[in-house]
Amino acid sequence: MRECAIEVCDFEYPKVFDITYRPDVHRRFMIDEIRLRTQRRGSRKSGRALAHEMEQACRWREAIRRNAPLLKGFFAEEPEWRDRILSWCEKTLARGVRSKRKVSS
């Protein structure tokens, strides 16, 4: 697989999880991204923001489940972050399901 043209892409890049993990390049990037996603923010979100967050949660969860190279390398060095991001994925997806139920009622 061809690597991303720059050493660190943002998580909107479609194949970001397929990049081979390099601690000197990716460690800080990964920690910052996980912190950003998992820190508590206001509970009210617009439907559009929640939809985007749900899409990202799906991407993260799928990448974790398939043991994507970027996450595999990162979690080998920093295993405590795996549970944190997985928990965020599950909570975000559950919140989205609840929101859909309220709209359809």
C-alpha atoms as a PDB file:
ATOM      1  CA  MET A   1       0.000   0.000   0.000  1.00  0.00           C
ATOM      2  CA  ARG A   2       1.172   3.491  -0.798  1.00  0.00           C
ATOM      3  CA  GLU A   3       1.796   5.779   2.171  1.00  0.00           C
ATOM      4  CA  CYS A   4       0.183   9.155   2.535  1.00  0.00           C
ATOM      5  CA  ALA A   5       2.180  11.883   0.757  1.00  0.00           C
ATOM      6  CA  ILE A   6       2.707  13.720   4.024  1.00  0.00           C
ATOM      7  CA  GLU A   7       3.766  11.993   7.193  1.00  0.00           C
ATOM      8  CA  VAL A   8       0.637  12.844   9.168  1.00  0.00           C
ATOM      9  CA  CYS A   9      -2.798  13.214   7.631  1.00  0.00           C
ATOM     10  CA  ASP A  10      -5.940  14.260   9.377  1.00  0.00           C
ATOM     11  CA  PHE A  11      -8.563  11.689  10.196  1.00  0.00           C
ATOM     12  CA  GLU A  12     -10.737  12.789   7.280  1.00  0.00           C
ATOM     13  CA  TYR A  13      -8.218  11.124   4.948  1.00  0.00           C
ATOM     14  CA  PRO A  14      -9.993   7.932   3.797  1.00  0.00           C
ATOM     15  CA  LYS A  15      -7.095   5.529   4.395  1.00  0.00           C
ATOM     16  CA  VAL A  16      -5.504   7.165   7.422  1.00  0.00           C
ATOM     17  CA  PHE A  17      -5.806   3.993   9.507  1.00  0.00           C
ATOM     18  CA  ASP A  18      -3.884   2.010   6.877  1.00  0.00           C
ATOM     19  CA  ILE A  19      -0.711   4.066   7.351  1.00  0.00           C
ATOM     20  CA  THR A  20       2.046   2.153   9.116  1.00  0.00           C
ATOM     21  CA  TYR A  21       2.506   3.495  12.637  1.00  0.00           C
ATOM     22  CA  ARG A  22       5.749   5.321  13.323  1.00  0.00           C
ATOM     23  CA  PRO A  23       6.014   6.479  16.945  1.00  0.00           C
ATOM     24  CA  ASP A  24       8.261   9.440  16.200  1.00  0.00           C
ATOM     25  CA  VAL A  25       5.710  10.805  13.723  1.00  0.00           C
ATOM     26  CA  HIS A  26       2.302   9.555  14.846  1.00  0.00           C
ATOM     27  CA  ARG A  27       2.304   9.197  18.646  1.00  0.00           C
ATOM     28  CA  ARG A  28       1.482  12.813  19.539  1.00  0.00           C
ATOM     29  CA  PHE A  29      -0.962  13.049  16.625  1.00  0.00           C
ATOM     30  CA  MET A  30      -2.863   9.988  17.862  1.00  0.00           C
ATOM     31  CA  ILE A  31      -2.977  11.079  21.513  1.00  0.00           C
ATOM     32  CA  ASP A  32      -4.222  14.538  20.567  1.00  0.00           C
ATOM     33  CA  GLU A  33      -6.919  13.095  18.313  1.00  0.00           C
ATOM     34  CA  ILE A  34      -8.156  10.618  20.933  1.00  0.00           C
ATOM     35  CA  ARG A  35      -8.221  13.314  23.605  1.00  0.00           C
ATOM     36  CA  LEU A  36     -10.146  15.611  21.295  1.00  0.00           C
ATOM     37  CA  ARG A  37     -12.723  12.928  20.571  1.00  0.00           C
ATOM     38  CA  THR A  38     -13.137  11.632  24.117  1.00  0.00           C
ATOM     39  CA  GLN A  39     -13.145  14.787  26.215  1.00  0.00           C
ATOM     40  CA  ARG A  40     -16.510  15.853  27.545  1.00  0.00           C
ATOM     41  CA  ARG A  41     -18.198  18.695  25.767  1.00  0.00           C
ATOM     42  CA  GLY A  42     -21.648  20.177  25.840  1.00  0.00           C
ATOM     43  CA  SER A  43     -24.390  17.584  25.683  1.00  0.00           C
ATOM     44  CA  ARG A  44     -26.441  19.442  23.070  1.00  0.00           C
ATOM     45  CA  LYS A  45     -25.275  18.957  19.528  1.00  0.00           C
ATOM     46  CA  SER A  46     -26.955  19.760  16.300  1.00  0.00           C
ATOM     47  CA  GLY A  47     -28.156  16.773  14.305  1.00  0.00           C
ATOM     48  CA  ARG A  48     -25.529  17.493  11.677  1.00  0.00           C
ATOM     49  CA  ALA A  49     -22.657  17.515  14.203  1.00  0.00           C
ATOM     50  CA  LEU A  50     -23.908  14.291  15.778  1.00  0.00           C
ATOM     51  CA  ALA A  51     -24.193  12.637  12.354  1.00  0.00           C
ATOM     52  CA  HIS A  52     -20.568  13.537  11.579  1.00  0.00           C
ATOM     53  CA  GLU A  53     -19.439  12.308  14.993  1.00  0.00           C
ATOM     54  CA  MET A  54     -21.324   9.032  14.480  1.00  0.00           C
ATOM     55  CA  GLU A  55     -19.632   8.564  11.113  1.00  0.00           C
ATOM     56  CA  GLN A  56     -16.234   9.085  12.740  1.00  0.00           C
ATOM     57  CA  ALA A  57     -17.114   6.693  15.578  1.00  0.00           C
ATOM     58  CA  CYS A  58     -18.026   4.030  13.004  1.00  0.00           C
ATOM     59  CA  ARG A  59     -14.725   4.535  11.194  1.00  0.00           C
ATOM     60  CA  TRP A  60     -12.712   4.276  14.435  1.00  0.00           C
ATOM     61  CA  ARG A  61     -14.594   1.213  15.661  1.00  0.00           C
ATOM     62  CA  GLU A  62     -14.220  -0.554  12.317  1.00  0.00           C
ATOM     63  CA  ALA A  63     -10.486   0.247  12.195  1.00  0.00           C
ATOM     64  CA  ILE A  64      -9.995  -1.040  15.740  1.00  0.00           C
ATOM     65  CA  ARG A  65     -11.893  -4.244  14.994  1.00  0.00           C
ATOM     66  CA  ARG A  66      -9.874  -4.982  11.853  1.00  0.00           C
ATOM     67  CA  ASN A  67      -6.616  -4.165  13.659  1.00  0.00           C
ATOM     68  CA  ALA A  68      -5.603  -1.411  11.220  1.00  0.00           C
ATOM     69  CA  PRO A  69      -1.819  -0.789  11.024  1.00  0.00           C
ATOM     70  CA  LEU A  70      -1.871   2.732  12.503  1.00  0.00           C
ATOM     71  CA  LEU A  71      -3.953   1.672  15.495  1.00  0.00           C
ATOM     72  CA  LYS A  72      -2.220  -1.682  15.919  1.00  0.00           C
ATOM     73  CA  GLY A  73       1.147   0.034  16.334  1.00  0.00           C
ATOM     74  CA  PHE A  74      -0.192   2.810  18.528  1.00  0.00           C
ATOM     75  CA  PHE A  75      -2.150   0.510  20.849  1.00  0.00           C
ATOM     76  CA  ALA A  76       0.856  -1.816  21.179  1.00  0.00           C
ATOM     77  CA  GLU A  77       2.725   1.105  22.773  1.00  0.00           C
ATOM     78  CA  GLU A  78      -0.225   2.817  24.468  1.00  0.00           C
ATOM     79  CA  PRO A  79      -2.821   0.108  25.297  1.00  0.00           C
ATOM     80  CA  GLU A  80      -4.780   2.261  27.767  1.00  0.00           C
ATOM     81  CA  TRP A  81      -6.037   4.478  24.913  1.00  0.00           C
ATOM     82  CA  ARG A  82      -7.789   1.568  23.175  1.00  0.00           C
ATOM     83  CA  ASP A  83     -10.507   1.216  25.811  1.00  0.00           C
ATOM     84  CA  ARG A  84     -10.963   4.957  25.967  1.00  0.00           C
ATOM     85  CA  ILE A  85     -11.605   5.373  22.237  1.00  0.00           C
ATOM     86  CA  LEU A  86     -13.752   2.232  22.038  1.00  0.00           C
ATOM     87  CA  SER A  87     -15.885   3.542  24.871  1.00  0.00           C
ATOM     88  CA  TRP A  88     -16.286   6.835  23.012  1.00  0.00           C
ATOM     89  CA  CYS A  89     -17.339   4.962  19.860  1.00  0.00           C
ATOM     90  CA  GLU A  90     -20.004   2.975  21.684  1.00  0.00           C
ATOM     91  CA  LYS A  91     -21.379   6.002  23.567  1.00  0.00           C
ATOM     92  CA  THR A  92     -21.490   8.132  20.427  1.00  0.00           C
ATOM     93  CA  LEU A  93     -23.260   5.459  18.417  1.00  0.00           C
ATOM     94  CA  ALA A  94     -25.740   4.804  21.244  1.00  0.00           C
ATOM     95  CA  ARG A  95     -26.471   8.536  21.532  1.00  0.00           C
ATOM     96  CA  GLY A  96     -27.120   8.674  17.796  1.00  0.00           C
ATOM     97  CA  VAL A  97     -29.559   5.763  17.978  1.00  0.00           C
ATOM     98  CA  ARG A  98     -31.444   7.482  20.813  1.00  0.00           C
ATOM     99  CA  SER A  99     -31.615  10.700  18.793  1.00  0.00           C
ATOM    100  CA  LYS A 100     -33.050   8.861  15.792  1.00  0.00           C
ATOM    101  CA  ARG A 101     -35.730   7.267  17.991  1.00  0.00           C
ATOM    102  CA  LYS A 102     -36.781  10.686  19.322  1.00  0.00           C
ATOM    103  CA  VAL A 103     -37.079  12.108  15.805  1.00  0.00           C
ATOM    104  CA  SER A 104     -39.140   9.203  14.512  1.00  0.00           C
ATOM    105  CA  SER A 105     -41.544   9.217  17.507  1.00  0.00           C
END
